[in-house]
Amino acid sequence: MVLFRPLCKYVARVERLRDIVPTVREAIKAAKSGCPGPVFVEFPVDVLYPYELVVKEIGFNPNAKGFIQKALNFYLRCHVSRQFGNAWLQQTITPLPTNVPMPKSEQIQEIVQLVKSAKRPVLLIGSQATLPPVKPSDLVKAVEALGCPVFLGGMARGLLGKDHPLQMRQVRKDALKDADLTILAGTVCDFRLSYGRTLSKKSKIVALNRNYSQLTKNEKAFWNSNVSVQADVATSLVQVANSLGSNHSKPTEWVKTLREKDDEKEAANAKKMEQKLSNGFLNPLNFLKTLDQSLPDDAILVADGGDFVGSAAYIVRPRGPLQWLDPGAFGTLGVWWRFCSRCQTVYPKRPVYIIWGDGSCGYSLMEYDTFARHK
């Protein structure tokens, strides 16, 4: 249990059968509240066996004569009574309400004023923006209402579809350098943003995140926020968009400038994709380009790897929201087969593609045997 506490939001051990339902309800609530994360519930083996088997195997001595044997029988009866007592009483099994932090109206108004005064805003959207309660379609409308250039990361990839005019892919560094307002919508200032050092010192910064630790990561060391809001990311963006109204002046010239730079970078990358490698091996960039051109609109992409997936993130374009799954920032390789099997279970008629790096392959190649045995 000590091993799991630093890694999990909730850790518990079930010692009585009547505690199974309330413990699992609390675990699910903890997993889904705030910033979703892992929980751990231990079920000791003695709560998994039926009553009759436990009574039979626990070691009662029906012919106990001495004090010690009778005392042991008494202890064992008390243990069984405690373990199974009230186990069959009716219990509430409906999910407990989750706790999702919401923005305050004054925080939203602060952000609105910054957006109105900005000439070169940039919006960085991370995985948290895809979480309920806001639907992806409503988030897309909010992003379009803001009208600023967007960079997507993590599971937010695909939010705007394949070729949305606001989404940029190749010029994030240039955009952050010239921006006068940077909105970190679920994006964390870790190694992916050089711990915040890529953010312009001249830019106003708005940080939105459900988790306080992620919200303030490396702040004061390499960057400083003007507005920090610990709240649901998508809800915050929707409220900002609604407060701006239909008369909001969108930075169309700024979007046009970045679009031209992004297209130039895309063209330069396209030339690299066509190059033949001197060793005669397959050009991975060309392969990813070919894959992108052949993807159906309902494809679900499971990207599991390191450098190969890093390249795929800039070349392969998910066709819609929640159609990109990857191991996350810490490179927990080998998750592809779990993602794929669950995706195929939920969407049996949709194609699921694996973008698979060699490291992940080394961790989990044997899972093909699992698929073969359980197909």
Protein backbone atom coordinates (compact mmCIF):
# COMPACT_ATOMS: atom_id res chain seq x y z
CA MET A 1 0.00 0.00 0.00
CA VAL A 2 2.85 2.36 0.82
CA LEU A 3 4.21 1.82 -2.69
CA PHE A 4 0.99 3.05 -4.32
CA ARG A 5 0.23 6.11 -2.16
CA PRO A 6 2.66 8.48 -3.94
CA LEU A 7 1.29 7.35 -7.32
CA CYS A 8 -2.46 7.24 -6.75
CA LYS A 9 -5.15 9.73 -5.78
CA TYR A 10 -6.89 7.21 -3.54
CA VAL A 11 -5.59 4.04 -1.88
CA ALA A 12 -7.69 1.64 0.20
CA ARG A 13 -7.85 -1.96 1.38
CA VAL A 14 -11.18 -3.80 1.66
CA GLU A 15 -11.28 -5.90 4.84
CA ARG A 16 -15.02 -6.58 5.13
CA LEU A 17 -17.47 -7.56 2.42
CA ARG A 18 -19.90 -4.81 3.37
CA ASP A 19 -17.15 -2.26 2.63
CA ILE A 20 -16.72 -3.30 -1.01
CA VAL A 21 -19.46 -1.10 -2.46
CA PRO A 22 -18.70 2.12 -0.52
CA THR A 23 -14.96 1.73 -1.09
CA VAL A 24 -15.35 1.25 -4.83
CA ARG A 25 -17.75 4.20 -5.01
CA GLU A 26 -15.22 6.41 -3.25
CA ALA A 27 -12.45 5.17 -5.53
CA ILE A 28 -14.42 5.97 -8.68
CA LYS A 29 -15.30 9.40 -7.30
CA ALA A 30 -11.64 10.13 -6.55
CA ALA A 31 -10.53 8.88 -9.97
CA LYS A 32 -12.94 11.18 -11.80
CA SER A 33 -12.79 14.24 -9.54
CA GLY A 34 -10.49 17.17 -10.12
CA CYS A 35 -7.77 16.11 -12.50
CA PRO A 36 -8.60 12.45 -13.30
CA GLY A 37 -5.98 9.98 -12.18
CA PRO A 38 -5.27 6.46 -10.94
CA VAL A 39 -6.68 4.90 -7.79
CA PHE A 40 -5.81 1.61 -6.10
CA VAL A 41 -8.14 -0.70 -4.18
CA GLU A 42 -6.74 -3.89 -2.68
CA PHE A 43 -9.01 -6.91 -2.25
CA PRO A 44 -7.29 -9.40 0.09
CA VAL A 45 -7.88 -12.99 -0.90
CA ASP A 46 -9.99 -13.74 2.19
CA VAL A 47 -12.77 -11.39 1.01
CA LEU A 48 -12.98 -13.04 -2.40
CA TYR A 49 -14.07 -16.52 -1.32
CA PRO A 50 -17.69 -17.48 -0.49
CA TYR A 51 -18.82 -17.82 3.11
CA GLU A 52 -19.21 -21.62 3.03
CA LEU A 53 -15.68 -22.14 1.74
CA VAL A 54 -14.15 -19.78 4.31
CA VAL A 55 -15.97 -21.50 7.18
CA LYS A 56 -14.84 -24.87 5.88
CA GLU A 57 -11.18 -23.96 5.39
CA ILE A 58 -10.52 -21.48 8.18
CA GLY A 59 -9.57 -24.13 10.72
CA PHE A 60 -12.40 -24.52 13.24
CA ASN A 61 -11.84 -27.39 15.64
CA PRO A 62 -15.29 -28.93 16.27
CA ASN A 63 -13.87 -31.07 19.08
CA ALA A 64 -12.02 -28.33 20.94
CA LYS A 65 -11.38 -29.25 24.56
CA GLY A 66 -8.58 -27.13 25.93
CA PHE A 67 -8.70 -23.41 26.66
CA ILE A 68 -6.35 -22.50 23.82
CA GLN A 69 -8.35 -24.43 21.21
CA LYS A 70 -11.62 -22.92 22.43
CA ALA A 71 -10.11 -19.42 22.44
CA LEU A 72 -8.86 -19.95 18.89
CA ASN A 73 -12.31 -21.07 17.77
CA PHE A 74 -13.81 -17.98 19.40
CA TYR A 75 -11.34 -15.71 17.61
CA LEU A 76 -11.99 -17.38 14.24
CA ARG A 77 -15.77 -17.05 14.68
CA CYS A 78 -15.37 -13.36 15.50
CA HIS A 79 -13.15 -12.89 12.45
CA VAL A 80 -15.67 -14.57 10.14
CA SER A 81 -18.55 -12.63 11.68
CA ARG A 82 -16.70 -9.35 11.19
CA GLN A 83 -15.71 -10.25 7.64
CA PHE A 84 -19.17 -11.34 6.48
CA GLY A 85 -21.39 -9.35 8.85
CA ASN A 86 -24.12 -7.37 7.02
CA ALA A 87 -22.54 -8.39 3.74
CA TRP A 88 -25.89 -9.03 2.07
CA LEU A 89 -27.66 -5.85 3.11
CA GLN A 90 -28.99 -3.71 0.27
CA GLN A 91 -26.59 -0.84 -0.52
CA THR A 92 -26.70 2.19 -2.74
CA ILE A 93 -24.65 1.57 -5.87
CA THR A 94 -25.27 4.78 -7.80
CA PRO A 95 -22.08 6.77 -8.49
CA LEU A 96 -21.10 9.48 -6.04
CA PRO A 97 -21.04 13.03 -7.45
CA THR A 98 -17.60 14.07 -8.61
CA ASN A 99 -15.86 17.30 -7.65
CA VAL A 100 -14.83 19.35 -10.67
CA PRO A 101 -13.47 22.83 -9.92
CA MET A 102 -15.23 25.61 -11.81
CA PRO A 103 -13.97 29.12 -12.62
CA LYS A 104 -15.20 32.20 -10.79
CA SER A 105 -16.91 34.96 -12.73
CA GLU A 106 -14.24 37.51 -11.80
CA GLN A 107 -11.53 35.21 -13.14
CA ILE A 108 -13.39 34.85 -16.42
CA GLN A 109 -13.70 38.62 -16.71
CA GLU A 110 -9.96 39.06 -16.15
CA ILE A 111 -9.27 36.68 -19.02
CA VAL A 112 -11.85 38.39 -21.23
CA GLN A 113 -10.13 41.75 -20.78
CA LEU A 114 -6.76 40.25 -21.70
CA VAL A 115 -8.22 38.61 -24.81
CA LYS A 116 -9.88 41.84 -25.91
CA SER A 117 -6.66 43.81 -25.63
CA ALA A 118 -4.45 41.18 -27.28
CA LYS A 119 -3.26 41.57 -30.87
CA ARG A 120 -1.30 38.32 -31.10
CA PRO A 121 -2.93 35.73 -28.82
CA VAL A 122 -1.97 32.05 -28.89
CA LEU A 123 -4.01 29.19 -27.45
CA LEU A 124 -2.30 25.96 -26.33
CA ILE A 125 -4.82 23.21 -25.58
CA GLY A 126 -3.88 20.04 -23.70
CA SER A 127 -5.60 16.78 -22.83
CA GLN A 128 -7.64 18.18 -19.95
CA ALA A 129 -9.77 20.21 -22.34
CA THR A 130 -11.38 17.02 -23.65
CA LEU A 131 -12.80 16.02 -20.24
CA PRO A 132 -16.50 16.21 -19.35
CA PRO A 133 -18.75 18.02 -18.63
CA VAL A 134 -18.22 20.09 -21.80
CA LYS A 135 -18.78 18.29 -25.09
CA PRO A 136 -15.96 18.54 -27.66
CA SER A 137 -18.36 20.15 -30.14
CA ASP A 138 -19.11 22.95 -27.67
CA LEU A 139 -15.41 23.45 -27.03
CA VAL A 140 -14.77 23.74 -30.77
CA LYS A 141 -17.39 26.50 -30.98
CA ALA A 142 -15.69 28.34 -28.13
CA VAL A 143 -12.28 28.07 -29.81
CA GLU A 144 -13.72 29.39 -33.05
CA ALA A 145 -15.35 32.27 -31.18
CA LEU A 146 -11.97 33.22 -29.70
CA GLY A 147 -10.52 33.14 -33.20
CA CYS A 148 -6.86 32.90 -32.18
CA PRO A 149 -4.21 30.46 -33.46
CA VAL A 150 -4.38 27.09 -31.74
CA PHE A 151 -1.80 24.41 -30.97
CA LEU A 152 -3.11 21.05 -29.78
CA GLY A 153 -1.29 18.51 -27.64
CA GLY A 154 -1.95 15.15 -26.02
CA MET A 155 -5.47 13.82 -26.36
CA ALA A 156 -6.63 17.23 -27.60
CA ARG A 157 -5.12 16.34 -30.97
CA GLY A 158 -7.93 15.97 -33.44
CA LEU A 159 -10.21 18.39 -31.58
CA LEU A 160 -10.46 20.67 -34.61
CA GLY A 161 -10.41 17.93 -37.23
CA LYS A 162 -7.97 17.50 -40.08
CA ASP A 163 -7.53 20.95 -41.65
CA HIS A 164 -9.01 23.63 -39.42
CA PRO A 165 -7.78 27.12 -40.38
CA LEU A 166 -7.04 28.06 -36.76
CA GLN A 167 -4.87 25.06 -35.98
CA MET A 168 -1.12 25.39 -36.44
CA ARG A 169 1.30 22.47 -36.21
CA GLN A 170 4.81 23.52 -37.14
CA VAL A 171 5.47 27.04 -35.82
CA ARG A 172 4.71 26.90 -32.12
CA LYS A 173 8.12 28.26 -31.13
CA ASP A 174 7.74 31.27 -33.43
CA ALA A 175 4.18 31.88 -32.27
CA LEU A 176 5.13 31.84 -28.59
CA LYS A 177 8.05 34.17 -29.24
CA ASP A 178 5.87 36.83 -30.87
CA ALA A 179 2.67 36.36 -28.85
CA ASP A 180 1.38 39.10 -26.58
CA LEU A 181 -1.06 36.72 -24.88
CA THR A 182 -0.52 33.01 -24.25
CA ILE A 183 -3.36 30.88 -22.92
CA LEU A 184 -2.23 27.57 -21.43
CA ALA A 185 -5.48 25.62 -21.56
CA GLY A 186 -4.51 22.41 -19.81
CA THR A 187 -0.98 22.65 -21.19
CA VAL A 188 1.74 22.15 -18.58
CA CYS A 189 5.08 23.96 -18.44
CA ASP A 190 7.19 20.81 -18.26
CA PHE A 191 9.90 19.59 -20.62
CA ARG A 192 7.53 19.90 -23.59
CA LEU A 193 7.62 23.69 -23.17
CA SER A 194 11.20 23.76 -21.89
CA TYR A 195 9.76 24.22 -18.39
CA GLY A 196 8.25 27.55 -19.45
CA ARG A 197 11.37 29.02 -21.01
CA THR A 198 9.79 29.04 -24.48
CA LEU A 199 7.15 31.50 -23.28
CA SER A 200 7.86 35.11 -24.13
CA LYS A 201 8.75 37.40 -21.24
CA LYS A 202 6.71 40.12 -22.96
CA SER A 203 3.58 38.00 -23.26
CA LYS A 204 0.69 38.05 -20.82
CA ILE A 205 0.05 34.49 -19.67
CA VAL A 206 -3.21 32.84 -18.66
CA ALA A 207 -2.98 29.37 -17.11
CA LEU A 208 -6.00 27.06 -16.84
CA ASN A 209 -5.75 23.68 -15.15
CA ARG A 210 -7.74 21.47 -12.79
CA ASN A 211 -4.62 20.48 -10.87
CA TYR A 212 -2.78 23.11 -8.82
CA SER A 213 0.60 21.42 -9.13
CA GLN A 214 0.34 21.32 -12.92
CA LEU A 215 -1.12 24.82 -13.00
CA THR A 216 1.95 26.31 -11.31
CA LYS A 217 4.67 23.92 -12.48
CA ASN A 218 7.98 25.80 -12.79
CA GLU A 219 6.23 29.13 -12.28
CA LYS A 220 8.43 31.84 -10.76
CA ALA A 221 11.47 29.90 -11.99
CA PHE A 222 11.04 30.34 -15.76
CA TRP A 223 7.66 32.00 -16.29
CA ASN A 224 5.01 34.07 -14.52
CA SER A 225 1.27 34.01 -15.04
CA ASN A 226 -0.98 37.04 -15.10
CA VAL A 227 -4.09 34.97 -14.40
CA SER A 228 -4.06 31.45 -12.95
CA VAL A 229 -7.34 29.59 -12.71
CA GLN A 230 -7.64 26.19 -11.08
CA ALA A 231 -10.77 25.04 -12.85
CA ASP A 232 -12.13 22.90 -15.64
CA VAL A 233 -10.36 23.97 -18.82
CA ALA A 234 -13.17 23.55 -21.33
CA THR A 235 -15.74 25.23 -19.09
CA SER A 236 -13.40 28.19 -18.65
CA LEU A 237 -12.87 28.58 -22.40
CA VAL A 238 -16.60 28.31 -23.12
CA GLN A 239 -17.39 30.98 -20.52
CA VAL A 240 -14.69 33.27 -21.90
CA ALA A 241 -16.06 32.86 -25.42
CA ASN A 242 -19.62 33.54 -24.26
CA SER A 243 -18.51 36.66 -22.39
CA LEU A 244 -16.69 38.02 -25.44
CA GLY A 245 -19.89 37.98 -27.46
CA SER A 246 -20.39 38.13 -31.22
CA ASN A 247 -18.74 41.55 -31.57
CA HIS A 248 -15.32 40.27 -30.53
CA SER A 249 -12.60 41.47 -32.90
CA LYS A 250 -10.65 38.39 -33.96
CA PRO A 251 -6.92 38.62 -34.77
CA THR A 252 -7.31 37.61 -38.42
CA GLU A 253 -4.04 39.19 -39.60
CA TRP A 254 -2.10 37.39 -36.88
CA VAL A 255 -3.73 34.10 -37.86
CA LYS A 256 -2.88 34.77 -41.52
CA THR A 257 0.77 35.48 -40.68
CA LEU A 258 1.17 32.26 -38.73
CA ARG A 259 -0.72 30.29 -41.36
CA GLU A 260 1.75 31.39 -44.02
CA LYS A 261 4.70 30.39 -41.84
CA ASP A 262 3.07 27.09 -40.98
CA ASP A 263 2.41 26.31 -44.64
CA GLU A 264 6.03 27.11 -45.50
CA LYS A 265 7.24 24.72 -42.82
CA GLU A 266 4.82 22.07 -44.02
CA ALA A 267 6.18 22.43 -47.56
CA ALA A 268 9.77 22.11 -46.32
CA ASN A 269 8.85 19.01 -44.34
CA ALA A 270 7.13 17.55 -47.40
CA LYS A 271 10.44 17.67 -49.27
CA LYS A 272 12.14 15.77 -46.44
CA MET A 273 9.42 13.15 -46.64
CA GLU A 274 10.23 12.48 -50.28
CA GLN A 275 13.94 11.98 -49.68
CA LYS A 276 15.33 8.48 -50.04
CA LEU A 277 17.63 7.40 -47.25
CA SER A 278 21.22 6.62 -48.22
CA ASN A 279 21.10 3.30 -46.38
CA GLY A 280 18.15 2.17 -48.48
CA PHE A 281 15.81 1.87 -45.52
CA LEU A 282 12.25 3.13 -45.41
CA ASN A 283 11.91 6.87 -44.77
CA PRO A 284 9.69 6.99 -41.64
CA LEU A 285 8.44 10.48 -42.48
CA ASN A 286 7.28 9.31 -45.89
CA PHE A 287 5.55 6.36 -44.28
CA LEU A 288 3.69 8.64 -41.86
CA LYS A 289 2.69 10.94 -44.72
CA THR A 290 1.31 7.98 -46.67
CA LEU A 291 -0.56 6.79 -43.59
CA ASP A 292 -2.08 10.24 -43.08
CA GLN A 293 -3.27 10.38 -46.68
CA SER A 294 -5.00 7.01 -46.40
CA LEU A 295 -6.76 7.40 -43.04
CA PRO A 296 -10.56 7.16 -43.04
CA ASP A 297 -12.44 9.87 -41.15
CA ASP A 298 -13.58 7.52 -38.38
CA ALA A 299 -10.11 6.10 -37.66
CA ILE A 300 -8.91 5.93 -34.06
CA LEU A 301 -5.15 6.36 -33.71
CA VAL A 302 -3.20 4.71 -30.90
CA ALA A 303 0.32 6.14 -30.83
CA ASP A 304 2.75 4.23 -28.63
CA GLY A 305 6.42 5.05 -28.92
CA GLY A 306 9.09 7.71 -28.55
CA ASP A 307 10.72 9.51 -31.48
CA PHE A 308 8.49 7.78 -34.02
CA VAL A 309 5.36 8.98 -32.25
CA GLY A 310 6.92 12.44 -31.84
CA SER A 311 7.21 12.64 -35.62
CA ALA A 312 3.71 11.25 -36.08
CA ALA A 313 2.27 14.00 -33.88
CA TYR A 314 3.40 16.58 -36.45
CA ILE A 315 2.49 14.64 -39.59
CA VAL A 316 -0.49 12.38 -38.94
CA ARG A 317 -3.69 14.35 -38.45
CA PRO A 318 -6.49 12.80 -36.35
CA ARG A 319 -9.80 13.34 -38.07
CA GLY A 320 -11.84 14.29 -35.02
CA PRO A 321 -11.98 14.72 -31.24
CA LEU A 322 -10.90 11.81 -29.03
CA GLN A 323 -9.42 9.92 -31.98
CA TRP A 324 -5.82 10.07 -30.74
CA LEU A 325 -4.50 8.09 -27.76
CA ASP A 326 -0.88 8.05 -26.61
CA PRO A 327 1.09 7.03 -23.48
CA GLY A 328 1.30 10.59 -22.18
CA ALA A 329 4.19 12.80 -21.20
CA PHE A 330 6.12 10.18 -19.26
CA GLY A 331 6.45 7.70 -22.12
CA THR A 332 4.81 4.73 -20.42
CA LEU A 333 5.44 2.51 -23.41
CA GLY A 334 3.53 -0.68 -24.03
CA VAL A 335 -0.02 0.57 -23.47
CA TRP A 336 -1.08 0.21 -27.11
CA TRP A 337 -2.71 -3.21 -26.79
CA ARG A 338 -4.89 -2.09 -23.89
CA PHE A 339 -5.92 1.06 -25.72
CA CYS A 340 -6.60 -0.85 -28.93
CA SER A 341 -8.62 -3.62 -27.32
CA ARG A 342 -10.78 -1.12 -25.40
CA CYS A 343 -11.30 1.08 -28.45
CA GLN A 344 -12.31 -1.91 -30.54
CA THR A 345 -14.68 -3.07 -27.80
CA VAL A 346 -16.42 0.31 -27.59
CA TYR A 347 -16.33 0.95 -31.35
CA PRO A 348 -16.31 -2.50 -32.98
CA LYS A 349 -17.02 -1.13 -36.47
CA ARG A 350 -14.37 1.60 -36.49
CA PRO A 351 -10.79 1.02 -37.65
CA VAL A 352 -8.09 1.32 -34.98
CA TYR A 353 -4.55 2.08 -36.15
CA ILE A 354 -1.40 1.48 -34.10
CA ILE A 355 1.51 3.87 -34.58
CA TRP A 356 4.10 1.70 -32.94
CA GLY A 357 7.68 2.52 -31.99
CA ASP A 358 10.44 -0.06 -31.56
CA GLY A 359 10.67 0.51 -27.80
CA SER A 360 6.99 -0.15 -27.33
CA CYS A 361 7.30 -3.19 -29.57
CA GLY A 362 9.99 -4.57 -27.29
CA TYR A 363 7.76 -4.12 -24.25
CA SER A 364 4.60 -5.65 -25.64
CA LEU A 365 5.08 -7.70 -28.80
CA MET A 366 3.93 -10.78 -26.91
CA GLU A 367 0.47 -9.27 -26.52
CA TYR A 368 -0.33 -10.38 -30.06
CA ASP A 369 -0.67 -13.81 -28.46
CA THR A 370 -3.26 -12.31 -26.10
CA PHE A 371 -5.22 -10.99 -29.07
CA ALA A 372 -5.02 -14.33 -30.86
CA ARG A 373 -6.32 -16.23 -27.84
CA HIS A 374 -9.14 -13.83 -26.98
CA LYS A 375 -10.32 -12.56 -30.35
